[in-house]
Amino acid sequence: MRRFALAVLLAVVLLAPAATAFAASPAPSTIAGGDPRSAGEGPGLVGTPVVAIGIVFGLGIAAAAVTLAYVRLTGGPRKPD
């Protein structure tokens, strides 16, 4: 029982300073050109998603081409002798 009381006391002493946490203010910041938050709307699309999708497809085609070139240059699949 004495060990339990000591453990509880130690936990209270160690966790007591964590009871108070300071956070940022919910007020909008005006440092970098205004408030980017909107009233009830999501952020929307930023940038050019069509270009990003095109880049992903281009990378896929390039990876397939490099793989095909590697297979052809190394002799392709071997036939069992």
N, C-alpha and C. Protein backbone atom coordinates (compact mmCIF):
# COMPACT_ATOMS: atom_id res chain seq x y z
N MET A 1 0.83 -1.20 0.00
CA MET A 1 0.00 0.00 0.00
C MET A 1 0.86 1.25 0.00
N ARG A 2 1.97 1.15 0.70
CA ARG A 2 2.85 2.31 0.80
C ARG A 2 3.49 2.62 -0.55
N ARG A 3 3.85 1.57 -1.33
CA ARG A 3 4.43 1.77 -2.65
C ARG A 3 3.42 2.41 -3.59
N PHE A 4 2.17 1.99 -3.49
CA PHE A 4 1.13 2.55 -4.33
C PHE A 4 0.95 4.03 -4.05
N ALA A 5 0.90 4.40 -2.77
CA ALA A 5 0.75 5.81 -2.40
C ALA A 5 1.94 6.62 -2.89
N LEU A 6 3.13 6.04 -2.80
CA LEU A 6 4.32 6.74 -3.27
C LEU A 6 4.28 6.92 -4.79
N ALA A 7 3.80 5.90 -5.50
CA ALA A 7 3.69 5.99 -6.96
C ALA A 7 2.67 7.05 -7.37
N VAL A 8 1.53 7.10 -6.68
CA VAL A 8 0.51 8.11 -6.98
C VAL A 8 1.04 9.50 -6.68
N LEU A 9 1.73 9.66 -5.58
CA LEU A 9 2.30 10.97 -5.22
C LEU A 9 3.34 11.39 -6.25
N LEU A 10 4.17 10.46 -6.66
CA LEU A 10 5.17 10.78 -7.67
C LEU A 10 4.52 11.17 -8.99
N ALA A 11 3.48 10.46 -9.40
CA ALA A 11 2.77 10.79 -10.64
C ALA A 11 2.14 12.17 -10.56
N VAL A 12 1.54 12.50 -9.43
CA VAL A 12 0.92 13.82 -9.26
C VAL A 12 1.97 14.92 -9.32
N VAL A 13 3.09 14.69 -8.69
CA VAL A 13 4.15 15.71 -8.68
C VAL A 13 4.72 15.90 -10.08
N LEU A 14 4.90 14.80 -10.82
CA LEU A 14 5.48 14.92 -12.16
C LEU A 14 4.49 15.47 -13.18
N LEU A 15 3.20 15.18 -13.01
CA LEU A 15 2.21 15.61 -13.99
C LEU A 15 1.57 16.95 -13.65
N ALA A 16 1.80 17.48 -12.48
CA ALA A 16 1.19 18.75 -12.09
C ALA A 16 1.61 19.91 -13.00
N PRO A 17 2.87 20.03 -13.37
CA PRO A 17 3.24 21.14 -14.26
C PRO A 17 2.61 21.02 -15.65
N ALA A 18 2.20 19.83 -16.06
CA ALA A 18 1.61 19.65 -17.38
C ALA A 18 0.14 20.05 -17.41
N ALA A 19 -0.42 20.45 -16.29
CA ALA A 19 -1.84 20.81 -16.25
C ALA A 19 -2.11 22.10 -17.00
N THR A 20 -1.15 23.00 -17.04
CA THR A 20 -1.35 24.27 -17.72
C THR A 20 -0.58 24.26 -19.03
N ALA A 21 -1.31 24.42 -20.13
CA ALA A 21 -0.67 24.46 -21.44
C ALA A 21 -1.05 25.78 -22.12
N PHE A 22 -0.07 26.40 -22.70
CA PHE A 22 -0.31 27.66 -23.39
C PHE A 22 -0.38 27.38 -24.89
N ALA A 23 -1.42 27.89 -25.51
CA ALA A 23 -1.61 27.66 -26.94
C ALA A 23 -1.67 29.00 -27.67
N ALA A 24 -1.65 28.92 -28.98
CA ALA A 24 -1.75 30.12 -29.78
C ALA A 24 -3.16 30.68 -29.71
N SER A 25 -3.29 31.92 -30.00
CA SER A 25 -4.59 32.57 -29.99
C SER A 25 -5.40 32.14 -31.21
N PRO A 26 -6.72 31.94 -31.07
CA PRO A 26 -7.53 31.60 -32.24
C PRO A 26 -7.81 32.79 -33.15
N ALA A 27 -7.35 33.95 -32.78
CA ALA A 27 -7.56 35.13 -33.61
C ALA A 27 -6.73 35.03 -34.89
N PRO A 28 -7.24 35.53 -36.01
CA PRO A 28 -6.48 35.45 -37.27
C PRO A 28 -5.22 36.29 -37.21
N SER A 29 -4.21 35.81 -37.87
CA SER A 29 -2.94 36.50 -37.92
C SER A 29 -2.92 37.45 -39.12
N THR A 30 -2.37 38.61 -38.95
CA THR A 30 -2.30 39.58 -40.05
C THR A 30 -0.86 39.84 -40.47
N ILE A 31 0.04 38.94 -40.11
CA ILE A 31 1.46 39.15 -40.42
C ILE A 31 1.73 38.91 -41.90
N ALA A 32 1.23 37.83 -42.47
CA ALA A 32 1.59 37.45 -43.85
C ALA A 32 0.45 37.69 -44.82
N GLY A 33 -0.10 38.85 -44.86
CA GLY A 33 -1.08 39.19 -45.88
C GLY A 33 -2.51 38.80 -45.57
N GLY A 34 -2.87 38.65 -44.35
CA GLY A 34 -4.27 38.40 -44.02
C GLY A 34 -4.53 36.98 -43.56
N ASP A 35 -5.81 36.68 -43.40
CA ASP A 35 -6.24 35.39 -42.87
C ASP A 35 -6.60 34.45 -44.01
N PRO A 36 -5.91 33.30 -44.14
CA PRO A 36 -6.22 32.37 -45.22
C PRO A 36 -7.46 31.53 -44.95
N ARG A 37 -7.97 31.58 -43.73
CA ARG A 37 -9.15 30.77 -43.41
C ARG A 37 -10.40 31.43 -43.98
N SER A 38 -11.36 30.62 -44.35
CA SER A 38 -12.61 31.15 -44.87
C SER A 38 -13.76 30.67 -44.00
N ALA A 39 -14.90 31.28 -44.17
CA ALA A 39 -16.06 30.97 -43.33
C ALA A 39 -16.76 29.71 -43.84
N GLY A 40 -16.44 28.57 -43.27
CA GLY A 40 -17.14 27.34 -43.57
C GLY A 40 -16.77 26.66 -44.87
N GLU A 41 -15.72 27.09 -45.53
CA GLU A 41 -15.31 26.48 -46.79
C GLU A 41 -13.97 25.80 -46.62
N GLY A 42 -13.72 24.82 -47.46
CA GLY A 42 -12.42 24.18 -47.47
C GLY A 42 -11.42 25.03 -48.20
N PRO A 43 -10.16 24.60 -48.21
CA PRO A 43 -9.13 25.40 -48.86
C PRO A 43 -9.21 25.42 -50.38
N GLY A 44 -9.87 24.43 -50.99
CA GLY A 44 -9.95 24.39 -52.45
C GLY A 44 -8.68 23.85 -53.06
N LEU A 45 -8.60 23.89 -54.37
CA LEU A 45 -7.42 23.40 -55.07
C LEU A 45 -6.39 24.51 -55.18
N VAL A 46 -5.16 24.16 -54.87
CA VAL A 46 -4.07 25.12 -54.94
C VAL A 46 -3.10 24.64 -56.00
N GLY A 47 -2.67 25.51 -56.86
CA GLY A 47 -1.74 25.12 -57.91
C GLY A 47 -2.47 24.64 -59.14
N THR A 48 -1.80 23.78 -59.90
CA THR A 48 -2.38 23.26 -61.13
C THR A 48 -2.43 21.74 -61.04
N PRO A 49 -3.56 21.17 -60.65
CA PRO A 49 -3.64 19.72 -60.49
C PRO A 49 -3.51 18.96 -61.80
N VAL A 50 -3.90 19.56 -62.93
CA VAL A 50 -3.78 18.87 -64.22
C VAL A 50 -2.31 18.64 -64.55
N VAL A 51 -1.47 19.62 -64.27
CA VAL A 51 -0.04 19.48 -64.52
C VAL A 51 0.54 18.40 -63.60
N ALA A 52 0.11 18.37 -62.35
CA ALA A 52 0.60 17.36 -61.41
C ALA A 52 0.21 15.96 -61.86
N ILE A 53 -1.02 15.79 -62.33
CA ILE A 53 -1.46 14.48 -62.83
C ILE A 53 -0.65 14.10 -64.06
N GLY A 54 -0.39 15.05 -64.94
CA GLY A 54 0.42 14.78 -66.12
C GLY A 54 1.84 14.35 -65.77
N ILE A 55 2.41 14.98 -64.75
CA ILE A 55 3.75 14.61 -64.30
C ILE A 55 3.76 13.19 -63.76
N VAL A 56 2.73 12.81 -63.01
CA VAL A 56 2.65 11.45 -62.46
C VAL A 56 2.56 10.44 -63.59
N PHE A 57 1.71 10.70 -64.59
CA PHE A 57 1.62 9.79 -65.73
C PHE A 57 2.95 9.74 -66.49
N GLY A 58 3.60 10.86 -66.66
CA GLY A 58 4.89 10.90 -67.34
C GLY A 58 5.95 10.09 -66.61
N LEU A 59 5.97 10.18 -65.28
CA LEU A 59 6.92 9.39 -64.50
C LEU A 59 6.64 7.90 -64.64
N GLY A 60 5.35 7.53 -64.69
CA GLY A 60 5.00 6.13 -64.87
C GLY A 60 5.45 5.60 -66.22
N ILE A 61 5.24 6.39 -67.26
CA ILE A 61 5.66 5.98 -68.60
C ILE A 61 7.19 5.91 -68.68
N ALA A 62 7.88 6.86 -68.06
CA ALA A 62 9.34 6.84 -68.05
C ALA A 62 9.86 5.61 -67.31
N ALA A 63 9.23 5.25 -66.19
CA ALA A 63 9.66 4.07 -65.45
C ALA A 63 9.46 2.81 -66.27
N ALA A 64 8.34 2.73 -66.98
CA ALA A 64 8.08 1.57 -67.84
C ALA A 64 9.11 1.51 -68.98
N ALA A 65 9.45 2.65 -69.56
CA ALA A 65 10.43 2.68 -70.65
C ALA A 65 11.81 2.26 -70.17
N VAL A 66 12.22 2.74 -69.00
CA VAL A 66 13.53 2.37 -68.46
C VAL A 66 13.57 0.88 -68.14
N THR A 67 12.49 0.35 -67.59
CA THR A 67 12.43 -1.08 -67.29
C THR A 67 12.51 -1.91 -68.57
N LEU A 68 11.77 -1.51 -69.60
CA LEU A 68 11.80 -2.22 -70.88
C LEU A 68 13.20 -2.16 -71.50
N ALA A 69 13.84 -1.00 -71.44
CA ALA A 69 15.19 -0.87 -71.99
C ALA A 69 16.16 -1.75 -71.22
N TYR A 70 16.05 -1.82 -69.91
CA TYR A 70 16.93 -2.67 -69.10
C TYR A 70 16.76 -4.14 -69.46
N VAL A 71 15.51 -4.57 -69.61
CA VAL A 71 15.25 -5.96 -69.95
C VAL A 71 15.81 -6.29 -71.33
N ARG A 72 15.65 -5.39 -72.28
CA ARG A 72 16.15 -5.65 -73.64
C ARG A 72 17.68 -5.62 -73.68
N LEU A 73 18.31 -4.71 -72.94
CA LEU A 73 19.76 -4.62 -72.95
C LEU A 73 20.43 -5.78 -72.22
N THR A 74 19.77 -6.36 -71.25
CA THR A 74 20.36 -7.47 -70.50
C THR A 74 20.00 -8.82 -71.08
N GLY A 75 19.33 -8.87 -72.20
CA GLY A 75 19.05 -10.13 -72.86
C GLY A 75 17.67 -10.69 -72.62
N GLY A 76 16.86 -10.06 -71.85
CA GLY A 76 15.50 -10.52 -71.61
C GLY A 76 15.47 -11.78 -70.77
N PRO A 77 14.31 -12.40 -70.69
CA PRO A 77 14.21 -13.61 -69.89
C PRO A 77 14.99 -14.76 -70.55
N ARG A 78 15.66 -15.51 -69.76
CA ARG A 78 16.48 -16.61 -70.25
C ARG A 78 15.65 -17.87 -70.43
N LYS A 79 15.95 -18.61 -71.47
CA LYS A 79 15.30 -19.90 -71.68
C LYS A 79 16.08 -20.97 -70.94
N PRO A 80 15.39 -21.90 -70.30
CA PRO A 80 16.15 -22.96 -69.61
C PRO A 80 16.88 -23.84 -70.62
N ASP A 81 18.10 -24.19 -70.29
CA ASP A 81 18.92 -25.02 -71.20
C ASP A 81 18.58 -26.47 -71.05
